[in-house]
N, C-alpha and C. Protein backbone atom coordinates (compact mmCIF):
# COMPACT_ATOMS: atom_id res chain seq x y z
N UNK A 1 -23.09 -15.68 38.54
CA UNK A 1 -21.86 -16.41 38.31
C UNK A 1 -21.23 -16.71 39.67
N UNK A 2 -20.81 -17.93 39.90
CA UNK A 2 -20.23 -18.30 41.18
C UNK A 2 -18.82 -17.75 41.31
N UNK A 3 -18.34 -17.70 42.54
CA UNK A 3 -16.98 -17.20 42.79
C UNK A 3 -15.96 -18.08 42.08
N UNK A 4 -16.23 -19.38 42.04
CA UNK A 4 -15.29 -20.30 41.40
C UNK A 4 -15.19 -20.04 39.90
N UNK A 5 -16.32 -19.86 39.22
CA UNK A 5 -16.27 -19.62 37.78
C UNK A 5 -15.75 -18.23 37.48
N UNK A 6 -16.01 -17.25 38.37
CA UNK A 6 -15.45 -15.91 38.18
C UNK A 6 -13.93 -15.97 38.28
N UNK A 7 -13.42 -16.72 39.24
CA UNK A 7 -11.97 -16.86 39.39
C UNK A 7 -11.37 -17.53 38.15
N UNK A 8 -12.08 -18.53 37.61
CA UNK A 8 -11.59 -19.19 36.40
C UNK A 8 -11.56 -18.25 35.22
N UNK A 9 -12.58 -17.41 35.08
CA UNK A 9 -12.62 -16.45 33.98
C UNK A 9 -11.53 -15.40 34.13
N UNK A 10 -11.30 -14.94 35.36
CA UNK A 10 -10.23 -13.96 35.61
C UNK A 10 -8.89 -14.58 35.28
N UNK A 11 -8.67 -15.82 35.70
CA UNK A 11 -7.42 -16.51 35.41
C UNK A 11 -7.23 -16.66 33.90
N UNK A 12 -8.28 -17.07 33.21
CA UNK A 12 -8.19 -17.22 31.75
C UNK A 12 -7.89 -15.88 31.09
N UNK A 13 -8.53 -14.83 31.56
CA UNK A 13 -8.29 -13.50 31.00
C UNK A 13 -6.84 -13.09 31.16
N UNK A 14 -6.29 -13.33 32.35
CA UNK A 14 -4.90 -12.96 32.61
C UNK A 14 -3.96 -13.79 31.74
N UNK A 15 -4.19 -15.09 31.66
CA UNK A 15 -3.32 -15.96 30.86
C UNK A 15 -3.39 -15.61 29.38
N UNK A 16 -4.58 -15.33 28.87
CA UNK A 16 -4.70 -14.93 27.47
C UNK A 16 -4.06 -13.57 27.22
N UNK A 17 -4.14 -12.66 28.18
CA UNK A 17 -3.46 -11.37 28.05
C UNK A 17 -1.95 -11.57 27.98
N UNK A 18 -1.41 -12.41 28.84
CA UNK A 18 0.03 -12.68 28.83
C UNK A 18 0.44 -13.30 27.49
N UNK A 19 -0.33 -14.26 27.00
CA UNK A 19 -0.03 -14.88 25.71
C UNK A 19 -0.11 -13.87 24.57
N UNK A 20 -1.14 -13.01 24.61
CA UNK A 20 -1.29 -12.00 23.56
C UNK A 20 -0.15 -10.99 23.59
N UNK A 21 0.28 -10.58 24.77
CA UNK A 21 1.40 -9.64 24.87
C UNK A 21 2.70 -10.29 24.40
N UNK A 22 2.88 -11.58 24.70
CA UNK A 22 4.06 -12.29 24.19
C UNK A 22 4.04 -12.38 22.68
N UNK A 23 2.89 -12.69 22.12
CA UNK A 23 2.69 -12.76 20.67
C UNK A 23 3.02 -11.40 20.04
N UNK A 24 2.50 -10.34 20.65
CA UNK A 24 2.75 -8.98 20.15
C UNK A 24 4.24 -8.65 20.21
N UNK A 25 4.89 -9.01 21.31
CA UNK A 25 6.32 -8.71 21.46
C UNK A 25 7.15 -9.43 20.40
N UNK A 26 6.79 -10.67 20.11
CA UNK A 26 7.50 -11.42 19.06
C UNK A 26 7.35 -10.72 17.72
N UNK A 27 6.13 -10.31 17.38
CA UNK A 27 5.89 -9.66 16.09
C UNK A 27 6.62 -8.33 15.98
N UNK A 28 6.50 -7.49 17.01
CA UNK A 28 7.17 -6.18 16.97
C UNK A 28 8.68 -6.37 16.94
N UNK A 29 9.19 -7.29 17.75
CA UNK A 29 10.63 -7.56 17.75
C UNK A 29 11.13 -8.05 16.41
N UNK A 30 10.36 -8.91 15.78
CA UNK A 30 10.75 -9.43 14.47
C UNK A 30 10.73 -8.33 13.41
N UNK A 31 9.71 -7.47 13.47
CA UNK A 31 9.64 -6.35 12.53
C UNK A 31 10.84 -5.43 12.72
N UNK A 32 11.16 -5.13 13.97
CA UNK A 32 12.32 -4.28 14.26
C UNK A 32 13.59 -4.93 13.71
N UNK A 33 13.76 -6.21 13.92
CA UNK A 33 14.94 -6.92 13.43
C UNK A 33 15.02 -6.85 11.91
N UNK A 34 13.90 -7.11 11.25
CA UNK A 34 13.89 -7.06 9.78
C UNK A 34 14.22 -5.66 9.27
N UNK A 35 13.68 -4.64 9.93
CA UNK A 35 13.82 -3.26 9.45
C UNK A 35 15.17 -2.66 9.82
N UNK A 36 15.57 -2.80 11.09
CA UNK A 36 16.75 -2.10 11.58
C UNK A 36 18.03 -2.93 11.56
N UNK A 37 17.95 -4.21 11.83
CA UNK A 37 19.15 -5.03 11.92
C UNK A 37 19.51 -5.60 10.55
N UNK A 38 18.61 -6.34 9.96
CA UNK A 38 18.88 -6.89 8.63
C UNK A 38 18.75 -5.84 7.54
N UNK A 39 17.82 -4.94 7.69
CA UNK A 39 17.60 -3.89 6.71
C UNK A 39 16.59 -4.30 5.65
N UNK A 40 15.89 -3.31 5.14
CA UNK A 40 14.86 -3.58 4.13
C UNK A 40 15.45 -4.12 2.83
N UNK A 41 16.66 -3.67 2.49
CA UNK A 41 17.30 -4.18 1.27
C UNK A 41 17.49 -5.69 1.36
N UNK A 42 17.86 -6.16 2.53
CA UNK A 42 18.03 -7.59 2.74
C UNK A 42 16.69 -8.33 2.62
N UNK A 43 15.63 -7.72 3.12
CA UNK A 43 14.30 -8.33 3.03
C UNK A 43 13.86 -8.43 1.57
N UNK A 44 14.06 -7.35 0.83
CA UNK A 44 13.70 -7.33 -0.59
C UNK A 44 14.52 -8.37 -1.35
N UNK A 45 15.82 -8.46 -1.05
CA UNK A 45 16.68 -9.43 -1.72
C UNK A 45 16.21 -10.86 -1.44
N UNK A 46 15.80 -11.13 -0.21
CA UNK A 46 15.33 -12.47 0.16
C UNK A 46 14.07 -12.84 -0.62
N UNK A 47 13.14 -11.89 -0.74
CA UNK A 47 11.90 -12.14 -1.48
C UNK A 47 12.19 -12.29 -2.98
N UNK A 48 13.10 -11.45 -3.49
CA UNK A 48 13.49 -11.54 -4.90
C UNK A 48 14.12 -12.90 -5.20
N UNK A 49 15.01 -13.34 -4.31
CA UNK A 49 15.68 -14.63 -4.47
C UNK A 49 14.69 -15.79 -4.49
N UNK A 50 13.60 -15.64 -3.76
CA UNK A 50 12.57 -16.68 -3.73
C UNK A 50 11.73 -16.68 -5.00
N UNK A 51 11.89 -15.64 -5.83
CA UNK A 51 11.16 -15.58 -7.09
C UNK A 51 9.73 -15.10 -6.97
N UNK A 52 9.42 -14.44 -5.87
CA UNK A 52 8.06 -13.94 -5.68
C UNK A 52 7.89 -12.59 -6.38
N UNK A 53 6.69 -12.31 -6.87
CA UNK A 53 6.46 -11.02 -7.54
C UNK A 53 6.40 -9.88 -6.53
N UNK A 54 6.65 -8.67 -7.01
CA UNK A 54 6.54 -7.46 -6.18
C UNK A 54 7.33 -7.58 -4.86
N UNK A 55 8.63 -7.85 -4.93
CA UNK A 55 9.39 -8.08 -3.69
C UNK A 55 9.39 -6.88 -2.74
N UNK A 56 9.40 -5.66 -3.27
CA UNK A 56 9.38 -4.48 -2.39
C UNK A 56 8.07 -4.42 -1.61
N UNK A 57 6.97 -4.68 -2.30
CA UNK A 57 5.66 -4.65 -1.67
C UNK A 57 5.52 -5.75 -0.61
N UNK A 58 5.97 -6.95 -0.94
CA UNK A 58 5.88 -8.06 0.00
C UNK A 58 6.74 -7.80 1.23
N UNK A 59 7.98 -7.36 1.03
CA UNK A 59 8.87 -7.10 2.17
C UNK A 59 8.33 -5.99 3.06
N UNK A 60 7.88 -4.91 2.45
CA UNK A 60 7.33 -3.79 3.22
C UNK A 60 6.05 -4.20 3.93
N UNK A 61 5.18 -4.92 3.23
CA UNK A 61 3.94 -5.38 3.83
C UNK A 61 4.17 -6.30 5.02
N UNK A 62 5.16 -7.17 4.90
CA UNK A 62 5.49 -8.08 6.00
C UNK A 62 5.94 -7.32 7.23
N UNK A 63 6.85 -6.37 7.04
CA UNK A 63 7.35 -5.58 8.17
C UNK A 63 6.24 -4.74 8.78
N UNK A 64 5.42 -4.13 7.94
CA UNK A 64 4.31 -3.32 8.47
C UNK A 64 3.29 -4.17 9.22
N UNK A 65 2.95 -5.33 8.66
CA UNK A 65 2.01 -6.22 9.35
C UNK A 65 2.55 -6.60 10.72
N UNK A 66 3.82 -6.97 10.77
CA UNK A 66 4.38 -7.41 12.04
C UNK A 66 4.50 -6.25 13.04
N UNK A 67 4.91 -5.07 12.57
CA UNK A 67 5.07 -3.92 13.48
C UNK A 67 3.72 -3.38 13.95
N UNK A 68 2.87 -3.01 12.99
CA UNK A 68 1.57 -2.44 13.35
C UNK A 68 0.65 -3.50 13.95
N UNK A 69 0.68 -4.69 13.37
CA UNK A 69 -0.15 -5.77 13.91
C UNK A 69 0.26 -6.14 15.33
N UNK A 70 1.56 -6.17 15.58
CA UNK A 70 2.03 -6.45 16.94
C UNK A 70 1.57 -5.39 17.93
N UNK A 71 1.66 -4.13 17.52
CA UNK A 71 1.20 -3.04 18.39
C UNK A 71 -0.31 -3.14 18.64
N UNK A 72 -1.06 -3.47 17.59
CA UNK A 72 -2.51 -3.61 17.74
C UNK A 72 -2.86 -4.80 18.64
N UNK A 73 -2.11 -5.89 18.52
CA UNK A 73 -2.34 -7.04 19.40
C UNK A 73 -2.06 -6.68 20.85
N UNK A 74 -0.99 -5.91 21.08
CA UNK A 74 -0.67 -5.51 22.45
C UNK A 74 -1.83 -4.73 23.07
N UNK A 75 -2.49 -3.93 22.26
CA UNK A 75 -3.63 -3.14 22.74
C UNK A 75 -4.94 -3.93 22.72
N UNK A 76 -4.93 -5.06 22.06
CA UNK A 76 -6.16 -5.83 21.92
C UNK A 76 -7.13 -5.17 20.95
N UNK A 77 -6.60 -4.55 19.91
CA UNK A 77 -7.40 -3.81 18.93
C UNK A 77 -7.47 -4.59 17.62
N UNK A 78 -8.67 -4.88 17.16
CA UNK A 78 -8.90 -5.68 15.94
C UNK A 78 -8.11 -6.99 16.01
N UNK A 79 -8.16 -7.60 17.16
CA UNK A 79 -7.34 -8.77 17.47
C UNK A 79 -7.58 -9.91 16.50
N UNK A 80 -8.84 -10.23 16.24
CA UNK A 80 -9.13 -11.36 15.34
C UNK A 80 -8.63 -11.10 13.93
N UNK A 81 -8.80 -9.89 13.43
CA UNK A 81 -8.33 -9.55 12.09
C UNK A 81 -6.82 -9.65 12.00
N UNK A 82 -6.12 -9.05 12.94
CA UNK A 82 -4.65 -9.09 12.93
C UNK A 82 -4.17 -10.53 13.05
N UNK A 83 -4.76 -11.29 13.95
CA UNK A 83 -4.36 -12.69 14.12
C UNK A 83 -4.59 -13.49 12.84
N UNK A 84 -5.70 -13.25 12.16
CA UNK A 84 -5.97 -13.95 10.90
C UNK A 84 -4.93 -13.59 9.85
N UNK A 85 -4.55 -12.33 9.78
CA UNK A 85 -3.52 -11.91 8.82
C UNK A 85 -2.18 -12.57 9.13
N UNK A 86 -1.85 -12.70 10.41
CA UNK A 86 -0.61 -13.36 10.80
C UNK A 86 -0.66 -14.84 10.43
N UNK A 87 -1.81 -15.48 10.60
CA UNK A 87 -1.96 -16.88 10.19
C UNK A 87 -1.71 -17.00 8.69
N UNK A 88 -2.36 -16.17 7.90
CA UNK A 88 -2.19 -16.21 6.44
C UNK A 88 -0.73 -15.96 6.07
N UNK A 89 -0.12 -14.94 6.67
CA UNK A 89 1.28 -14.63 6.39
C UNK A 89 2.17 -15.85 6.63
N UNK A 90 2.00 -16.50 7.77
CA UNK A 90 2.88 -17.61 8.12
C UNK A 90 2.59 -18.87 7.32
N UNK A 91 1.35 -19.10 6.96
CA UNK A 91 1.04 -20.24 6.07
C UNK A 91 1.69 -20.01 4.71
N UNK A 92 1.63 -18.78 4.21
CA UNK A 92 2.29 -18.47 2.93
C UNK A 92 3.81 -18.61 3.03
N UNK A 93 4.39 -18.17 4.13
CA UNK A 93 5.84 -18.32 4.31
C UNK A 93 6.21 -19.79 4.30
N UNK A 94 5.43 -20.61 5.00
CA UNK A 94 5.71 -22.05 5.02
C UNK A 94 5.59 -22.62 3.61
N UNK A 95 4.49 -22.33 2.93
CA UNK A 95 4.23 -22.93 1.62
C UNK A 95 5.21 -22.45 0.55
N UNK A 96 5.53 -21.17 0.56
CA UNK A 96 6.33 -20.60 -0.53
C UNK A 96 7.83 -20.58 -0.27
N UNK A 97 8.23 -20.56 1.00
CA UNK A 97 9.65 -20.35 1.28
C UNK A 97 10.31 -21.45 2.11
N UNK A 98 9.61 -22.07 3.00
CA UNK A 98 10.29 -22.91 3.98
C UNK A 98 9.97 -24.40 3.93
N UNK A 99 8.94 -24.79 3.21
CA UNK A 99 8.50 -26.18 3.23
C UNK A 99 9.62 -27.15 2.87
N UNK A 100 10.38 -26.84 1.85
CA UNK A 100 11.42 -27.76 1.38
C UNK A 100 12.59 -27.87 2.35
N UNK A 101 12.70 -26.94 3.30
CA UNK A 101 13.78 -26.99 4.28
C UNK A 101 13.45 -27.87 5.48
N UNK A 102 12.23 -28.36 5.55
CA UNK A 102 11.84 -29.21 6.67
C UNK A 102 11.36 -28.41 7.87
N UNK A 103 11.12 -29.11 8.95
CA UNK A 103 10.51 -28.52 10.13
C UNK A 103 11.44 -27.59 10.91
N UNK A 104 12.66 -27.98 11.13
CA UNK A 104 13.50 -27.33 12.12
C UNK A 104 14.10 -26.02 11.65
N UNK A 105 13.96 -25.00 12.49
CA UNK A 105 14.43 -23.65 12.17
C UNK A 105 15.94 -23.62 11.95
N UNK A 106 16.69 -24.49 12.63
CA UNK A 106 18.15 -24.52 12.44
C UNK A 106 18.53 -24.80 11.00
N UNK A 107 17.66 -25.50 10.29
CA UNK A 107 17.91 -25.84 8.88
C UNK A 107 17.13 -24.93 7.94
N UNK A 108 16.64 -23.79 8.44
CA UNK A 108 15.83 -22.89 7.62
C UNK A 108 14.39 -23.33 7.53
N UNK A 109 13.97 -24.20 8.43
CA UNK A 109 12.63 -24.77 8.40
C UNK A 109 11.55 -23.87 8.97
N UNK A 110 10.39 -24.46 9.17
CA UNK A 110 9.18 -23.68 9.42
C UNK A 110 8.61 -23.80 10.83
N UNK A 111 9.34 -24.34 11.80
CA UNK A 111 8.76 -24.52 13.14
C UNK A 111 8.34 -23.19 13.77
N UNK A 112 9.12 -22.14 13.60
CA UNK A 112 8.78 -20.81 14.12
C UNK A 112 7.47 -20.31 13.50
N UNK A 113 7.32 -20.53 12.20
CA UNK A 113 6.11 -20.09 11.51
C UNK A 113 4.88 -20.88 11.95
N UNK A 114 5.06 -22.16 12.23
CA UNK A 114 3.95 -22.97 12.75
C UNK A 114 3.53 -22.44 14.12
N UNK A 115 4.51 -22.10 14.95
CA UNK A 115 4.19 -21.57 16.29
C UNK A 115 3.43 -20.25 16.18
N UNK A 116 3.88 -19.35 15.31
CA UNK A 116 3.18 -18.07 15.15
C UNK A 116 1.78 -18.27 14.58
N UNK A 117 1.65 -19.14 13.59
CA UNK A 117 0.33 -19.41 13.01
C UNK A 117 -0.59 -20.02 14.06
N UNK A 118 -0.07 -20.90 14.89
CA UNK A 118 -0.88 -21.52 15.95
C UNK A 118 -1.35 -20.48 16.96
N UNK A 119 -0.48 -19.57 17.36
CA UNK A 119 -0.89 -18.48 18.24
C UNK A 119 -1.96 -17.64 17.56
N UNK A 120 -1.77 -17.39 16.28
CA UNK A 120 -2.76 -16.63 15.54
C UNK A 120 -4.12 -17.30 15.55
N UNK A 121 -4.15 -18.61 15.37
CA UNK A 121 -5.41 -19.36 15.38
C UNK A 121 -6.11 -19.20 16.74
N UNK A 122 -5.34 -19.26 17.82
CA UNK A 122 -5.92 -19.08 19.15
C UNK A 122 -6.62 -17.73 19.24
N UNK A 123 -5.96 -16.67 18.76
CA UNK A 123 -6.55 -15.34 18.91
C UNK A 123 -7.61 -15.03 17.85
N UNK A 124 -7.63 -15.78 16.76
CA UNK A 124 -8.79 -15.70 15.86
C UNK A 124 -10.01 -16.25 16.60
N UNK A 125 -9.80 -17.31 17.37
CA UNK A 125 -10.90 -17.95 18.09
C UNK A 125 -11.40 -17.12 19.26
N UNK A 126 -10.50 -16.56 20.07
CA UNK A 126 -10.94 -15.90 21.31
C UNK A 126 -10.89 -14.38 21.26
N UNK A 127 -10.26 -13.81 20.25
CA UNK A 127 -10.14 -12.36 20.20
C UNK A 127 -9.29 -11.84 21.34
N UNK A 128 -9.55 -10.63 21.75
CA UNK A 128 -8.81 -10.02 22.86
C UNK A 128 -9.32 -10.51 24.20
N UNK A 129 -10.42 -11.25 24.18
CA UNK A 129 -11.08 -11.75 25.38
C UNK A 129 -11.50 -10.57 26.23
N UNK A 130 -11.27 -10.57 27.51
CA UNK A 130 -11.76 -9.48 28.36
C UNK A 130 -10.78 -8.32 28.46
N UNK A 131 -9.52 -8.54 28.19
CA UNK A 131 -8.50 -7.53 28.44
C UNK A 131 -7.98 -6.94 27.13
N UNK A 132 -8.76 -6.07 26.53
CA UNK A 132 -8.33 -5.44 25.29
C UNK A 132 -9.30 -4.39 24.83
N UNK A 133 -8.85 -3.57 23.91
CA UNK A 133 -9.70 -2.51 23.38
C UNK A 133 -10.90 -3.05 22.60
N UNK A 134 -10.76 -4.22 22.00
CA UNK A 134 -11.91 -4.81 21.29
C UNK A 134 -13.11 -4.93 22.22
N UNK A 135 -12.88 -5.40 23.42
CA UNK A 135 -13.97 -5.57 24.37
C UNK A 135 -14.57 -4.23 24.76
N UNK A 136 -13.70 -3.24 24.99
CA UNK A 136 -14.19 -1.91 25.36
C UNK A 136 -14.96 -1.26 24.22
N UNK A 137 -14.46 -1.39 23.00
CA UNK A 137 -15.07 -0.71 21.86
C UNK A 137 -16.26 -1.46 21.27
N UNK A 138 -16.18 -2.77 21.22
CA UNK A 138 -17.18 -3.54 20.49
C UNK A 138 -17.95 -4.54 21.34
N UNK A 139 -17.41 -4.97 22.45
CA UNK A 139 -17.97 -6.07 23.22
C UNK A 139 -19.36 -5.83 23.76
N UNK A 140 -19.56 -4.76 24.50
CA UNK A 140 -20.86 -4.51 25.13
C UNK A 140 -21.94 -4.25 24.09
N UNK A 141 -21.61 -3.50 23.06
CA UNK A 141 -22.59 -3.20 22.01
C UNK A 141 -23.07 -4.48 21.35
N UNK A 142 -22.14 -5.38 21.07
CA UNK A 142 -22.49 -6.64 20.42
C UNK A 142 -23.39 -7.48 21.32
N UNK A 143 -23.04 -7.56 22.59
CA UNK A 143 -23.85 -8.34 23.52
C UNK A 143 -25.24 -7.75 23.66
N UNK A 144 -25.32 -6.43 23.79
CA UNK A 144 -26.62 -5.77 23.96
C UNK A 144 -27.49 -5.97 22.73
N UNK A 145 -26.90 -5.92 21.55
CA UNK A 145 -27.68 -6.09 20.33
C UNK A 145 -28.23 -7.51 20.20
N UNK A 146 -27.60 -8.44 20.88
CA UNK A 146 -28.06 -9.83 20.84
C UNK A 146 -29.03 -10.12 21.97
N UNK A 147 -29.30 -9.13 22.81
CA UNK A 147 -30.22 -9.34 23.93
C UNK A 147 -29.62 -10.19 25.03
N UNK A 148 -28.31 -10.27 25.09
CA UNK A 148 -27.63 -11.11 26.09
C UNK A 148 -26.69 -10.29 26.95
N UNK A 149 -27.13 -9.16 27.42
CA UNK A 149 -26.26 -8.29 28.21
C UNK A 149 -25.67 -9.07 29.38
N UNK A 150 -24.36 -8.98 29.50
CA UNK A 150 -23.68 -9.62 30.62
C UNK A 150 -23.36 -11.09 30.41
N UNK A 151 -23.76 -11.67 29.30
CA UNK A 151 -23.48 -13.07 29.05
C UNK A 151 -22.12 -13.18 28.39
N UNK A 152 -21.33 -14.14 28.86
CA UNK A 152 -20.01 -14.36 28.29
C UNK A 152 -20.16 -15.32 27.12
N UNK A 153 -20.03 -14.79 25.90
CA UNK A 153 -20.27 -15.60 24.70
C UNK A 153 -19.18 -16.63 24.45
N UNK A 154 -17.99 -16.44 25.00
CA UNK A 154 -16.86 -17.27 24.64
C UNK A 154 -16.57 -18.39 25.64
N UNK A 155 -17.14 -18.33 26.81
CA UNK A 155 -16.78 -19.27 27.85
C UNK A 155 -17.91 -20.23 28.17
N UNK A 156 -17.69 -21.54 28.02
CA UNK A 156 -18.67 -22.48 28.53
C UNK A 156 -18.63 -22.45 30.06
N UNK A 157 -19.69 -22.87 30.69
CA UNK A 157 -19.74 -22.91 32.15
C UNK A 157 -18.68 -23.87 32.67
N UNK A 158 -18.12 -23.54 33.82
CA UNK A 158 -17.11 -24.38 34.44
C UNK A 158 -17.68 -25.78 34.65
N UNK A 159 -16.95 -26.77 34.24
CA UNK A 159 -17.39 -28.14 34.38
C UNK A 159 -18.20 -28.63 33.19
N UNK A 160 -18.49 -27.75 32.24
CA UNK A 160 -19.26 -28.11 31.07
C UNK A 160 -18.41 -28.96 30.13
N UNK A 161 -19.05 -29.81 29.37
CA UNK A 161 -18.33 -30.61 28.39
C UNK A 161 -18.31 -29.94 27.03
N UNK A 162 -18.94 -28.76 26.92
CA UNK A 162 -18.95 -28.03 25.65
C UNK A 162 -17.58 -27.42 25.39
N UNK A 163 -17.20 -27.38 24.14
CA UNK A 163 -15.95 -26.72 23.76
C UNK A 163 -16.20 -25.36 23.25
């Protein structure tokens, strides 16, 4: 690998780490806000008002996903799974709760949920990349089992037209 492509991979790793940590901070912060500031009773009331079944389960599951999932994202642990769950959560929030309010969050809309789902899609695609527990726990074993030790499965060569 040339010095130029190594520098590009290091830069990408750092930028994806920063994005993943920001994503994690948003999720953990939102869970904390739902649990401690608004309170679980408020969360349950909001789900009940929307007419969804099992409001206690949905409210608790949402807070747990955001808190535990955010912590796991910060560590880069099961990144693709957590990101996929966040995508599903936010698509459901848009479809079931926010679609009729329009795009803008000021009007109760779904722009925040689109942003979170979009971040989730990025991390479903790239995982924890190089800076996370996924790589330490699963990365080398997976590469070795494929007979491609040391090959970067996620990065096209610098200057390549492949996506």
